PDB file of N, CA and C in Angstrom:
ATOM      1  N   UNK A   1      22.607  10.513   3.235  1.00  0.00           N
ATOM      2  CA  UNK A   1      22.712  10.648   1.795  1.00  0.00           C
ATOM      3  C   UNK A   1      21.286  10.893   1.294  1.00  0.00           C
ATOM      4  N   UNK A   2      21.228  11.844   0.379  1.00  0.00           N
ATOM      5  CA  UNK A   2      19.925  12.221  -0.181  1.00  0.00           C
ATOM      6  C   UNK A   2      19.521  11.231  -1.330  1.00  0.00           C
ATOM      7  N   UNK A   3      18.259  10.813  -1.280  1.00  0.00           N
ATOM      8  CA  UNK A   3      17.747   9.880  -2.253  1.00  0.00           C
ATOM      9  C   UNK A   3      17.022  10.724  -3.336  1.00  0.00           C
ATOM     10  N   UNK A   4      17.435  10.506  -4.590  1.00  0.00           N
ATOM     11  CA  UNK A   4      16.847  11.250  -5.674  1.00  0.00           C
ATOM     12  C   UNK A   4      15.748  10.445  -6.248  1.00  0.00           C
ATOM     13  N   UNK A   5      14.617  11.151  -6.620  1.00  0.00           N
ATOM     14  CA  UNK A   5      13.507  10.416  -7.243  1.00  0.00           C
ATOM     15  C   UNK A   5      13.759  10.216  -8.731  1.00  0.00           C
ATOM     16  N   UNK A   6      13.191   9.182  -9.265  1.00  0.00           N
ATOM     17  CA  UNK A   6      13.364   8.850 -10.682  1.00  0.00           C
ATOM     18  C   UNK A   6      12.239   9.541 -11.476  1.00  0.00           C
ATOM     19  N   UNK A   7      12.474   9.656 -12.726  1.00  0.00           N
ATOM     20  CA  UNK A   7      11.470  10.191 -13.672  1.00  0.00           C
ATOM     21  C   UNK A   7      10.193   9.420 -13.528  1.00  0.00           C
ATOM     22  N   UNK A   8      10.351   8.028 -13.426  1.00  0.00           N
ATOM     23  CA  UNK A   8       9.189   7.169 -13.241  1.00  0.00           C
ATOM     24  C   UNK A   8       8.331   7.610 -12.060  1.00  0.00           C
ATOM     25  N   UNK A   9       9.028   7.856 -10.961  1.00  0.00           N
ATOM     26  CA  UNK A   9       8.300   8.283  -9.718  1.00  0.00           C
ATOM     27  C   UNK A   9       7.558   9.574  -9.912  1.00  0.00           C
ATOM     28  N   UNK A  10       8.238  10.533 -10.602  1.00  0.00           N
ATOM     29  CA  UNK A  10       7.581  11.825 -10.950  1.00  0.00           C
ATOM     30  C   UNK A  10       6.358  11.667 -11.774  1.00  0.00           C
ATOM     31  N   UNK A  11       6.498  10.852 -12.895  1.00  0.00           N
ATOM     32  CA  UNK A  11       5.383  10.593 -13.713  1.00  0.00           C
ATOM     33  C   UNK A  11       4.192   9.940 -12.977  1.00  0.00           C
ATOM     34  N   UNK A  12       4.457   8.979 -12.179  1.00  0.00           N
ATOM     35  CA  UNK A  12       3.452   8.227 -11.384  1.00  0.00           C
ATOM     36  C   UNK A  12       2.737   9.274 -10.433  1.00  0.00           C
ATOM     37  N   UNK A  13       3.516  10.080  -9.779  1.00  0.00           N
ATOM     38  CA  UNK A  13       2.917  11.075  -8.823  1.00  0.00           C
ATOM     39  C   UNK A  13       2.080  12.126  -9.632  1.00  0.00           C
ATOM     40  N   UNK A  14       2.588  12.505 -10.786  1.00  0.00           N
ATOM     41  CA  UNK A  14       1.842  13.505 -11.601  1.00  0.00           C
ATOM     42  C   UNK A  14       0.545  12.938 -12.027  1.00  0.00           C
ATOM     43  N   UNK A  15       0.456  11.715 -12.535  1.00  0.00           N
ATOM     44  CA  UNK A  15      -0.846  11.179 -12.985  1.00  0.00           C
ATOM     45  C   UNK A  15      -1.773  10.778 -11.816  1.00  0.00           C
ATOM     46  N   UNK A  16      -1.242  10.513 -10.713  1.00  0.00           N
ATOM     47  CA  UNK A  16      -2.047  10.294  -9.463  1.00  0.00           C
ATOM     48  C   UNK A  16      -2.801  11.644  -9.182  1.00  0.00           C
ATOM     49  N   UNK A  17      -2.100  12.725  -9.365  1.00  0.00           N
ATOM     50  CA  UNK A  17      -2.696  14.022  -9.045  1.00  0.00           C
ATOM     51  C   UNK A  17      -3.485  14.633 -10.196  1.00  0.00           C
ATOM     52  N   UNK A  18      -3.269  14.093 -11.428  1.00  0.00           N
ATOM     53  CA  UNK A  18      -3.908  14.598 -12.670  1.00  0.00           C
ATOM     54  C   UNK A  18      -4.428  13.421 -13.519  1.00  0.00           C
ATOM     55  N   UNK A  19      -5.340  12.634 -12.926  1.00  0.00           N
ATOM     56  CA  UNK A  19      -5.833  11.428 -13.696  1.00  0.00           C
ATOM     57  C   UNK A  19      -6.526  11.777 -15.020  1.00  0.00           C
ATOM     58  N   UNK A  20      -7.065  12.985 -15.073  1.00  0.00           N
ATOM     59  CA  UNK A  20      -7.716  13.392 -16.281  1.00  0.00           C
ATOM     60  C   UNK A  20      -6.877  13.564 -17.529  1.00  0.00           C
ATOM     61  N   UNK A  21      -5.539  13.572 -17.279  1.00  0.00           N
ATOM     62  CA  UNK A  21      -4.564  13.665 -18.404  1.00  0.00           C
ATOM     63  C   UNK A  21      -4.079  12.351 -18.909  1.00  0.00           C
ATOM     64  N   UNK A  22      -4.515  11.247 -18.309  1.00  0.00           N
ATOM     65  CA  UNK A  22      -4.065   9.914 -18.751  1.00  0.00           C
ATOM     66  C   UNK A  22      -4.486   9.611 -20.146  1.00  0.00           C
ATOM     67  N   UNK A  23      -5.707  10.015 -20.563  1.00  0.00           N
ATOM     68  CA  UNK A  23      -6.199   9.747 -21.953  1.00  0.00           C
ATOM     69  C   UNK A  23      -5.237  10.332 -22.944  1.00  0.00           C
ATOM     70  N   UNK A  24      -4.891  11.612 -22.796  1.00  0.00           N
ATOM     71  CA  UNK A  24      -3.976  12.337 -23.710  1.00  0.00           C
ATOM     72  C   UNK A  24      -2.573  11.607 -23.686  1.00  0.00           C
ATOM     73  N   UNK A  25      -2.158  11.285 -22.507  1.00  0.00           N
ATOM     74  CA  UNK A  25      -0.790  10.613 -22.349  1.00  0.00           C
ATOM     75  C   UNK A  25      -0.769   9.303 -23.112  1.00  0.00           C
ATOM     76  N   UNK A  26      -1.846   8.484 -22.998  1.00  0.00           N
ATOM     77  CA  UNK A  26      -1.859   7.218 -23.743  1.00  0.00           C
ATOM     78  C   UNK A  26      -1.857   7.426 -25.216  1.00  0.00           C
ATOM     79  N   UNK A  27      -2.690   8.371 -25.686  1.00  0.00           N
ATOM     80  CA  UNK A  27      -2.671   8.704 -27.141  1.00  0.00           C
ATOM     81  C   UNK A  27      -1.291   9.106 -27.600  1.00  0.00           C
ATOM     82  N   UNK A  28      -0.588   9.910 -26.802  1.00  0.00           N
ATOM     83  CA  UNK A  28       0.714  10.457 -27.211  1.00  0.00           C
ATOM     84  C   UNK A  28       1.704   9.320 -27.191  1.00  0.00           C
ATOM     85  N   UNK A  29       1.739   8.406 -26.184  1.00  0.00           N
ATOM     86  CA  UNK A  29       2.757   7.377 -26.199  1.00  0.00           C
ATOM     87  C   UNK A  29       2.564   6.355 -27.347  1.00  0.00           C
ATOM     88  N   UNK A  30       1.306   6.105 -27.691  1.00  0.00           N
ATOM     89  CA  UNK A  30       1.086   5.198 -28.836  1.00  0.00           C
ATOM     90  C   UNK A  30       1.476   5.869 -30.171  1.00  0.00           C
ATOM     91  N   UNK A  31       1.252   7.162 -30.305  1.00  0.00           N
ATOM     92  CA  UNK A  31       1.661   7.909 -31.458  1.00  0.00           C
ATOM     93  C   UNK A  31       3.197   7.919 -31.616  1.00  0.00           C
ATOM     94  N   UNK A  32       3.877   8.121 -30.452  1.00  0.00           N
ATOM     95  CA  UNK A  32       5.343   8.091 -30.501  1.00  0.00           C
ATOM     96  C   UNK A  32       5.851   6.657 -30.827  1.00  0.00           C
ATOM     97  N   UNK A  33       5.189   5.655 -30.292  1.00  0.00           N
ATOM     98  CA  UNK A  33       5.599   4.332 -30.620  1.00  0.00           C
ATOM     99  C   UNK A  33       5.408   4.003 -32.107  1.00  0.00           C
ATOM    100  N   UNK A  34       4.356   4.571 -32.702  1.00  0.00           N
ATOM    101  CA  UNK A  34       4.088   4.349 -34.150  1.00  0.00           C
ATOM    102  C   UNK A  34       5.206   4.990 -34.988  1.00  0.00           C
ATOM    103  N   UNK A  35       5.809   6.042 -34.434  1.00  0.00           N
ATOM    104  CA  UNK A  35       6.855   6.699 -35.169  1.00  0.00           C
ATOM    105  C   UNK A  35       8.253   6.080 -34.950  1.00  0.00           C
ATOM    106  N   UNK A  36       8.525   5.711 -33.710  1.00  0.00           N
ATOM    107  CA  UNK A  36       9.915   5.285 -33.466  1.00  0.00           C
ATOM    108  C   UNK A  36      10.076   3.813 -33.063  1.00  0.00           C
ATOM    109  N   UNK A  37       8.955   3.057 -32.862  1.00  0.00           N
ATOM    110  CA  UNK A  37       8.970   1.629 -32.499  1.00  0.00           C
ATOM    111  C   UNK A  37       9.716   1.349 -31.278  1.00  0.00           C
ATOM    112  N   UNK A  38       9.774   2.264 -30.304  1.00  0.00           N
ATOM    113  CA  UNK A  38      10.524   2.070 -29.065  1.00  0.00           C
ATOM    114  C   UNK A  38       9.518   1.359 -28.078  1.00  0.00           C
ATOM    115  N   UNK A  39       9.563   0.080 -28.106  1.00  0.00           N
ATOM    116  CA  UNK A  39       8.649  -0.717 -27.275  1.00  0.00           C
ATOM    117  C   UNK A  39       9.018  -0.521 -25.821  1.00  0.00           C
ATOM    118  N   UNK A  40      10.266  -0.325 -25.475  1.00  0.00           N
ATOM    119  CA  UNK A  40      10.607  -0.135 -24.093  1.00  0.00           C
ATOM    120  C   UNK A  40       9.929   1.097 -23.493  1.00  0.00           C
ATOM    121  N   UNK A  41       9.929   2.207 -24.263  1.00  0.00           N
ATOM    122  CA  UNK A  41       9.292   3.444 -23.793  1.00  0.00           C
ATOM    123  C   UNK A  41       7.829   3.209 -23.695  1.00  0.00           C
ATOM    124  N   UNK A  42       7.186   2.531 -24.617  1.00  0.00           N
ATOM    125  CA  UNK A  42       5.762   2.283 -24.556  1.00  0.00           C
ATOM    126  C   UNK A  42       5.388   1.445 -23.299  1.00  0.00           C
ATOM    127  N   UNK A  43       6.147   0.374 -23.071  1.00  0.00           N
ATOM    128  CA  UNK A  43       5.886  -0.471 -21.882  1.00  0.00           C
ATOM    129  C   UNK A  43       6.103   0.294 -20.601  1.00  0.00           C
ATOM    130  N   UNK A  44       7.113   1.193 -20.527  1.00  0.00           N
ATOM    131  CA  UNK A  44       7.354   1.932 -19.357  1.00  0.00           C
ATOM    132  C   UNK A  44       6.199   2.884 -19.091  1.00  0.00           C
ATOM    133  N   UNK A  45       5.704   3.488 -20.104  1.00  0.00           N
ATOM    134  CA  UNK A  45       4.543   4.398 -19.981  1.00  0.00           C
ATOM    135  C   UNK A  45       3.316   3.634 -19.554  1.00  0.00           C
ATOM    136  N   UNK A  46       3.074   2.519 -20.095  1.00  0.00           N
ATOM    137  CA  UNK A  46       1.927   1.643 -19.729  1.00  0.00           C
ATOM    138  C   UNK A  46       2.098   1.233 -18.260  1.00  0.00           C
ATOM    139  N   UNK A  47       3.308   0.969 -17.788  1.00  0.00           N
ATOM    140  CA  UNK A  47       3.578   0.556 -16.432  1.00  0.00           C
ATOM    141  C   UNK A  47       3.206   1.723 -15.473  1.00  0.00           C
ATOM    142  N   UNK A  48       3.515   2.960 -15.882  1.00  0.00           N
ATOM    143  CA  UNK A  48       3.174   4.121 -15.066  1.00  0.00           C
ATOM    144  C   UNK A  48       1.663   4.161 -14.889  1.00  0.00           C
ATOM    145  N   UNK A  49       0.911   4.080 -15.975  1.00  0.00           N
ATOM    146  CA  UNK A  49      -0.507   4.102 -15.910  1.00  0.00           C
ATOM    147  C   UNK A  49      -1.140   2.967 -15.124  1.00  0.00           C
ATOM    148  N   UNK A  50      -0.551   1.789 -15.304  1.00  0.00           N
ATOM    149  CA  UNK A  50      -1.015   0.615 -14.509  1.00  0.00           C
ATOM    150  C   UNK A  50      -0.798   0.818 -13.049  1.00  0.00           C
ATOM    151  N   UNK A  51       0.332   1.352 -12.683  1.00  0.00           N
ATOM    152  CA  UNK A  51       0.588   1.663 -11.248  1.00  0.00           C
ATOM    153  C   UNK A  51      -0.352   2.658 -10.658  1.00  0.00           C
ATOM    154  N   UNK A  52      -0.641   3.698 -11.434  1.00  0.00           N
ATOM    155  CA  UNK A  52      -1.560   4.669 -10.986  1.00  0.00           C
ATOM    156  C   UNK A  52      -2.937   4.090 -10.760  1.00  0.00           C
ATOM    157  N   UNK A  53      -3.396   3.296 -11.701  1.00  0.00           N
ATOM    158  CA  UNK A  53      -4.707   2.644 -11.595  1.00  0.00           C
ATOM    159  C   UNK A  53      -4.790   1.434 -10.620  1.00  0.00           C
ATOM    160  N   UNK A  54      -3.529   0.893 -10.303  1.00  0.00           N
ATOM    161  CA  UNK A  54      -3.535  -0.221  -9.351  1.00  0.00           C
ATOM    162  C   UNK A  54      -3.091  -1.504 -10.044  1.00  0.00           C
ATOM    163  N   UNK A  55      -1.836  -1.909  -9.898  1.00  0.00           N
ATOM    164  CA  UNK A  55      -1.318  -3.093 -10.533  1.00  0.00           C
ATOM    165  C   UNK A  55      -2.106  -4.333 -10.284  1.00  0.00           C
ATOM    166  N   UNK A  56      -2.503  -4.591  -9.089  1.00  0.00           N
ATOM    167  CA  UNK A  56      -3.265  -5.811  -8.753  1.00  0.00           C
ATOM    168  C   UNK A  56      -4.629  -5.838  -9.464  1.00  0.00           C
ATOM    169  N   UNK A  57      -5.296  -4.708  -9.386  1.00  0.00           N
ATOM    170  CA  UNK A  57      -6.676  -4.600 -10.035  1.00  0.00           C
ATOM    171  C   UNK A  57      -6.489  -4.823 -11.556  1.00  0.00           C
ATOM    172  N   UNK A  58      -5.526  -4.102 -12.158  1.00  0.00           N
ATOM    173  CA  UNK A  58      -5.398  -4.181 -13.621  1.00  0.00           C
ATOM    174  C   UNK A  58      -4.982  -5.610 -14.041  1.00  0.00           C
ATOM    175  N   UNK A  59      -4.116  -6.211 -13.226  1.00  0.00           N
ATOM    176  CA  UNK A  59      -3.706  -7.634 -13.534  1.00  0.00           C
ATOM    177  C   UNK A  59      -4.884  -8.539 -13.474  1.00  0.00           C
ATOM    178  N   UNK A  60      -5.699  -8.396 -12.465  1.00  0.00           N
ATOM    179  CA  UNK A  60      -6.884  -9.254 -12.332  1.00  0.00           C
ATOM    180  C   UNK A  60      -7.897  -9.101 -13.466  1.00  0.00           C
ATOM    181  N   UNK A  61      -8.081  -7.826 -13.858  1.00  0.00           N
ATOM    182  CA  UNK A  61      -8.988  -7.536 -14.998  1.00  0.00           C
ATOM    183  C   UNK A  61      -8.501  -8.036 -16.280  1.00  0.00           C
ATOM    184  N   UNK A  62      -7.182  -8.016 -16.380  1.00  0.00           N
ATOM    185  CA  UNK A  62      -6.524  -8.438 -17.609  1.00  0.00           C
ATOM    186  C   UNK A  62      -6.354  -9.996 -17.705  1.00  0.00           C
ATOM    187  N   UNK A  63      -6.694 -10.666 -16.650  1.00  0.00           N
ATOM    188  CA  UNK A  63      -6.558 -12.111 -16.557  1.00  0.00           C
ATOM    189  C   UNK A  63      -5.114 -12.537 -16.442  1.00  0.00           C
ATOM    190  N   UNK A  64      -4.340 -11.763 -15.714  1.00  0.00           N
ATOM    191  CA  UNK A  64      -2.956 -12.014 -15.518  1.00  0.00           C
ATOM    192  C   UNK A  64      -2.631 -12.006 -13.994  1.00  0.00           C
ATOM    193  N   UNK A  65      -1.495 -12.550 -13.642  1.00  0.00           N
ATOM    194  CA  UNK A  65      -1.087 -12.383 -12.238  1.00  0.00           C
ATOM    195  C   UNK A  65      -0.396 -11.022 -12.109  1.00  0.00           C
ATOM    196  N   UNK A  66      -0.270 -10.582 -10.897  1.00  0.00           N
ATOM    197  CA  UNK A  66       0.396  -9.301 -10.658  1.00  0.00           C
ATOM    198  C   UNK A  66       1.861  -9.345 -11.203  1.00  0.00           C
ATOM    199  N   UNK A  67       2.511 -10.549 -10.841  1.00  0.00           N
ATOM    200  CA  UNK A  67       3.885 -10.677 -11.386  1.00  0.00           C
ATOM    201  C   UNK A  67       3.949 -10.770 -12.905  1.00  0.00           C
ATOM    202  N   UNK A  68       2.975 -11.417 -13.486  1.00  0.00           N
ATOM    203  CA  UNK A  68       2.925 -11.514 -14.943  1.00  0.00           C
ATOM    204  C   UNK A  68       2.779 -10.164 -15.587  1.00  0.00           C
ATOM    205  N   UNK A  69       1.952  -9.344 -15.018  1.00  0.00           N
ATOM    206  CA  UNK A  69       1.735  -7.963 -15.579  1.00  0.00           C
ATOM    207  C   UNK A  69       3.027  -7.178 -15.389  1.00  0.00           C
ATOM    208  N   UNK A  70       3.593  -7.240 -14.216  1.00  0.00           N
ATOM    209  CA  UNK A  70       4.880  -6.500 -13.997  1.00  0.00           C
ATOM    210  C   UNK A  70       5.927  -6.947 -14.951  1.00  0.00           C
ATOM    211  N   UNK A  71       6.035  -8.255 -15.255  1.00  0.00           N
ATOM    212  CA  UNK A  71       7.030  -8.837 -16.181  1.00  0.00           C
ATOM    213  C   UNK A  71       6.748  -8.323 -17.609  1.00  0.00           C
ATOM    214  N   UNK A  72       5.495  -8.367 -17.992  1.00  0.00           N
ATOM    215  CA  UNK A  72       5.032  -7.883 -19.340  1.00  0.00           C
ATOM    216  C   UNK A  72       5.424  -6.492 -19.549  1.00  0.00           C
ATOM    217  N   UNK A  73       5.228  -5.657 -18.547  1.00  0.00           N
ATOM    218  CA  UNK A  73       5.488  -4.177 -18.633  1.00  0.00           C
ATOM    219  C   UNK A  73       6.882  -3.783 -18.240  1.00  0.00           C
ATOM    220  N   UNK A  74       7.802  -4.739 -17.988  1.00  0.00           N
ATOM    221  CA  UNK A  74       9.159  -4.400 -17.580  1.00  0.00           C
ATOM    222  C   UNK A  74       9.949  -3.933 -18.781  1.00  0.00           C
ATOM    223  N   UNK A  75      11.103  -3.397 -18.570  1.00  0.00           N
ATOM    224  CA  UNK A  75      11.968  -2.914 -19.637  1.00  0.00           C
ATOM    225  C   UNK A  75      12.450  -4.130 -20.512  1.00  0.00           C
ATOM    226  N   UNK A  76      12.468  -5.303 -19.956  1.00  0.00           N
ATOM    227  CA  UNK A  76      12.825  -6.470 -20.725  1.00  0.00           C
ATOM    228  C   UNK A  76      11.533  -7.281 -21.232  1.00  0.00           C
ATOM    229  N   UNK A  77      10.419  -6.722 -20.948  1.00  0.00           N
ATOM    230  CA  UNK A  77       9.152  -7.389 -21.346  1.00  0.00           C
ATOM    231  C   UNK A  77       9.047  -7.439 -22.835  1.00  0.00           C
ATOM    232  N   UNK A  78       8.401  -8.549 -23.239  1.00  0.00           N
ATOM    233  CA  UNK A  78       8.042  -8.739 -24.646  1.00  0.00           C
ATOM    234  C   UNK A  78       6.666  -9.311 -24.746  1.00  0.00           C
ATOM    235  N   UNK A  79       5.619  -8.579 -24.361  1.00  0.00           N
ATOM    236  CA  UNK A  79       4.273  -9.156 -24.242  1.00  0.00           C
ATOM    237  C   UNK A  79       3.715  -9.428 -25.638  1.00  0.00           C
ATOM    238  N   UNK A  80       2.897 -10.388 -25.694  1.00  0.00           N
ATOM    239  CA  UNK A  80       2.135 -10.730 -26.897  1.00  0.00           C
ATOM    240  C   UNK A  80       1.100  -9.684 -27.078  1.00  0.00           C
ATOM    241  N   UNK A  81       0.693  -9.558 -28.313  1.00  0.00           N
ATOM    242  CA  UNK A  81      -0.414  -8.539 -28.658  1.00  0.00           C
ATOM    243  C   UNK A  81      -1.626  -8.759 -27.820  1.00  0.00           C
ATOM    244  N   UNK A  82      -2.044 -10.004 -27.620  1.00  0.00           N
ATOM    245  CA  UNK A  82      -3.158 -10.311 -26.827  1.00  0.00           C
ATOM    246  C   UNK A  82      -3.029  -9.873 -25.380  1.00  0.00           C
ATOM    247  N   UNK A  83      -1.795  -9.874 -24.845  1.00  0.00           N
ATOM    248  CA  UNK A  83      -1.582  -9.327 -23.471  1.00  0.00           C
ATOM    249  C   UNK A  83      -1.668  -7.855 -23.450  1.00  0.00           C
ATOM    250  N   UNK A  84      -1.165  -7.150 -24.441  1.00  0.00           N
ATOM    251  CA  UNK A  84      -1.216  -5.701 -24.521  1.00  0.00           C
ATOM    252  C   UNK A  84      -2.712  -5.306 -24.643  1.00  0.00           C
ATOM    253  N   UNK A  85      -3.463  -6.040 -25.456  1.00  0.00           N
ATOM    254  CA  UNK A  85      -4.904  -5.763 -25.651  1.00  0.00           C
ATOM    255  C   UNK A  85      -5.638  -5.923 -24.373  1.00  0.00           C
ATOM    256  N   UNK A  86      -5.313  -7.047 -23.645  1.00  0.00           N
ATOM    257  CA  UNK A  86      -5.998  -7.237 -22.338  1.00  0.00           C
ATOM    258  C   UNK A  86      -5.632  -6.172 -21.311  1.00  0.00           C
ATOM    259  N   UNK A  87      -4.418  -5.717 -21.311  1.00  0.00           N
ATOM    260  CA  UNK A  87      -4.013  -4.661 -20.410  1.00  0.00           C
ATOM    261  C   UNK A  87      -4.716  -3.365 -20.751  1.00  0.00           C
ATOM    262  N   UNK A  88      -4.745  -3.051 -22.063  1.00  0.00           N
ATOM    263  CA  UNK A  88      -5.470  -1.872 -22.478  1.00  0.00           C
ATOM    264  C   UNK A  88      -6.972  -1.878 -22.096  1.00  0.00           C
ATOM    265  N   UNK A  89      -7.614  -3.078 -22.279  1.00  0.00           N
ATOM    266  CA  UNK A  89      -8.984  -3.176 -21.914  1.00  0.00           C
ATOM    267  C   UNK A  89      -9.179  -3.024 -20.423  1.00  0.00           C
ATOM    268  N   UNK A  90      -8.267  -3.592 -19.668  1.00  0.00           N
ATOM    269  CA  UNK A  90      -8.358  -3.430 -18.222  1.00  0.00           C
ATOM    270  C   UNK A  90      -8.158  -1.959 -17.799  1.00  0.00           C
ATOM    271  N   UNK A  91      -7.413  -1.215 -18.537  1.00  0.00           N
ATOM    272  CA  UNK A  91      -7.232   0.255 -18.298  1.00  0.00           C
ATOM    273  C   UNK A  91      -8.450   1.015 -18.798  1.00  0.00           C
ATOM    274  N   UNK A  92      -9.306   0.391 -19.595  1.00  0.00           N
ATOM    275  CA  UNK A  92     -10.475   1.080 -20.116  1.00  0.00           C
ATOM    276  C   UNK A  92     -10.371   1.603 -21.473  1.00  0.00           C
ATOM    277  N   UNK A  93      -9.393   1.021 -22.254  1.00  0.00           N
ATOM    278  CA  UNK A  93      -9.184   1.504 -23.597  1.00  0.00           C
ATOM    279  C   UNK A  93      -9.204   0.293 -24.603  1.00  0.00           C
ATOM    280  N   UNK A  94      -9.160   0.559 -25.904  1.00  0.00           N
ATOM    281  CA  UNK A  94      -9.076  -0.508 -26.855  1.00  0.00           C
ATOM    282  C   UNK A  94      -8.055  -0.054 -27.882  1.00  0.00           C
ATOM    283  N   UNK A  95      -7.488  -1.023 -28.609  1.00  0.00           N
ATOM    284  CA  UNK A  95      -6.515  -0.794 -29.593  1.00  0.00           C
ATOM    285  C   UNK A  95      -7.310  -0.747 -30.898  1.00  0.00           C
ATOM    286  N   UNK A  96      -7.236   0.467 -31.556  1.00  0.00           N
ATOM    287  CA  UNK A  96      -7.905   0.613 -32.853  1.00  0.00           C
ATOM    288  C   UNK A  96      -6.900   1.238 -33.849  1.00  0.00           C
ATOM    289  N   UNK A  97      -7.040   0.814 -35.065  1.00  0.00           N
ATOM    290  CA  UNK A  97      -6.157   1.385 -36.082  1.00  0.00           C
ATOM    291  C   UNK A  97      -6.582   2.814 -36.383  1.00  0.00           C
ATOM    292  N   UNK A  98      -5.585   3.610 -36.787  1.00  0.00           N
ATOM    293  CA  UNK A  98      -5.811   4.960 -37.213  1.00  0.00           C
ATOM    294  C   UNK A  98      -5.090   5.171 -38.535  1.00  0.00           C
ATOM    295  N   UNK A  99      -5.785   5.579 -39.544  1.00  0.00           N
ATOM    296  CA  UNK A  99      -5.208   5.729 -40.851  1.00  0.00           C
ATOM    297  C   UNK A  99      -4.235   6.934 -40.761  1.00  0.00           C
ATOM    298  N   UNK A 100      -3.047   6.708 -41.321  1.00  0.00           N
ATOM    299  CA  UNK A 100      -2.045   7.804 -41.418  1.00  0.00           C
ATOM    300  C   UNK A 100      -1.996   8.247 -42.874  1.00  0.00           C
ATOM    301  N   UNK A 101      -1.710   9.480 -43.039  1.00  0.00           N
ATOM    302  CA  UNK A 101      -1.629  10.066 -44.376  1.00  0.00           C
ATOM    303  C   UNK A 101      -0.352   9.511 -45.066  1.00  0.00           C
ATOM    304  N   UNK A 102      -0.477   9.171 -46.352  1.00  0.00           N
ATOM    305  CA  UNK A 102       0.737   8.730 -47.045  1.00  0.00           C
ATOM    306  C   UNK A 102       1.698   9.894 -47.199  1.00  0.00           C
ATOM    307  N   UNK A 103       3.012   9.599 -47.306  1.00  0.00           N
ATOM    308  CA  UNK A 103       4.016  10.658 -47.493  1.00  0.00           C
ATOM    309  C   UNK A 103       3.645  11.511 -48.718  1.00  0.00           C
ATOM    310  N   UNK A 104       3.916  12.769 -48.607  1.00  0.00           N
ATOM    311  CA  UNK A 104       3.730  13.663 -49.724  1.00  0.00           C
ATOM    312  C   UNK A 104       4.880  13.463 -50.697  1.00  0.00           C
ATOM    313  N   UNK A 105       4.540  13.276 -51.941  1.00  0.00           N
ATOM    314  CA  UNK A 105       5.592  13.113 -53.002  1.00  0.00           C
ATOM    315  C   UNK A 105       5.662  14.363 -53.797  1.00  0.00           C
ATOM    316  N   UNK A 106       6.831  14.691 -54.318  1.00  0.00           N
ATOM    317  CA  UNK A 106       6.969  15.904 -55.077  1.00  0.00           C
ATOM    318  C   UNK A 106       6.992  15.622 -56.532  1.00  0.00           C
TER     319      UNK A 106
END
C-alpha cells in the first residue's frame, strides 16, 4: 500500500530546503491570523517552523519541555500569550503590533 505524504510533511520539507523563506512565511501566517482568527492554522504553521528549527532546541530556548511545546502547538493547543511570545523569541522573532488602516468610509 502506498503511503501518501501530508501537506504538513511537504511544508516541513520545503522549509528545510528553503530556510530563507521562513521570515516571509511567518509574516504571512500572522497576517492571515489577524484577518481570520484561525488559531489552529497559526499553531500548525508555527509547528512546521519549530520542527524545521528543531523541536527540542526551540522548547529548551522557550523554557518549555519538548512535550509542552508540542502540546501548545497542537491542533487542540491553546497556548497562553506568554508561551507564544517565548516560542517566537526562541525562533528568533518578536511579537510587535502593526497599525492597520481604518476601513474606508464612503
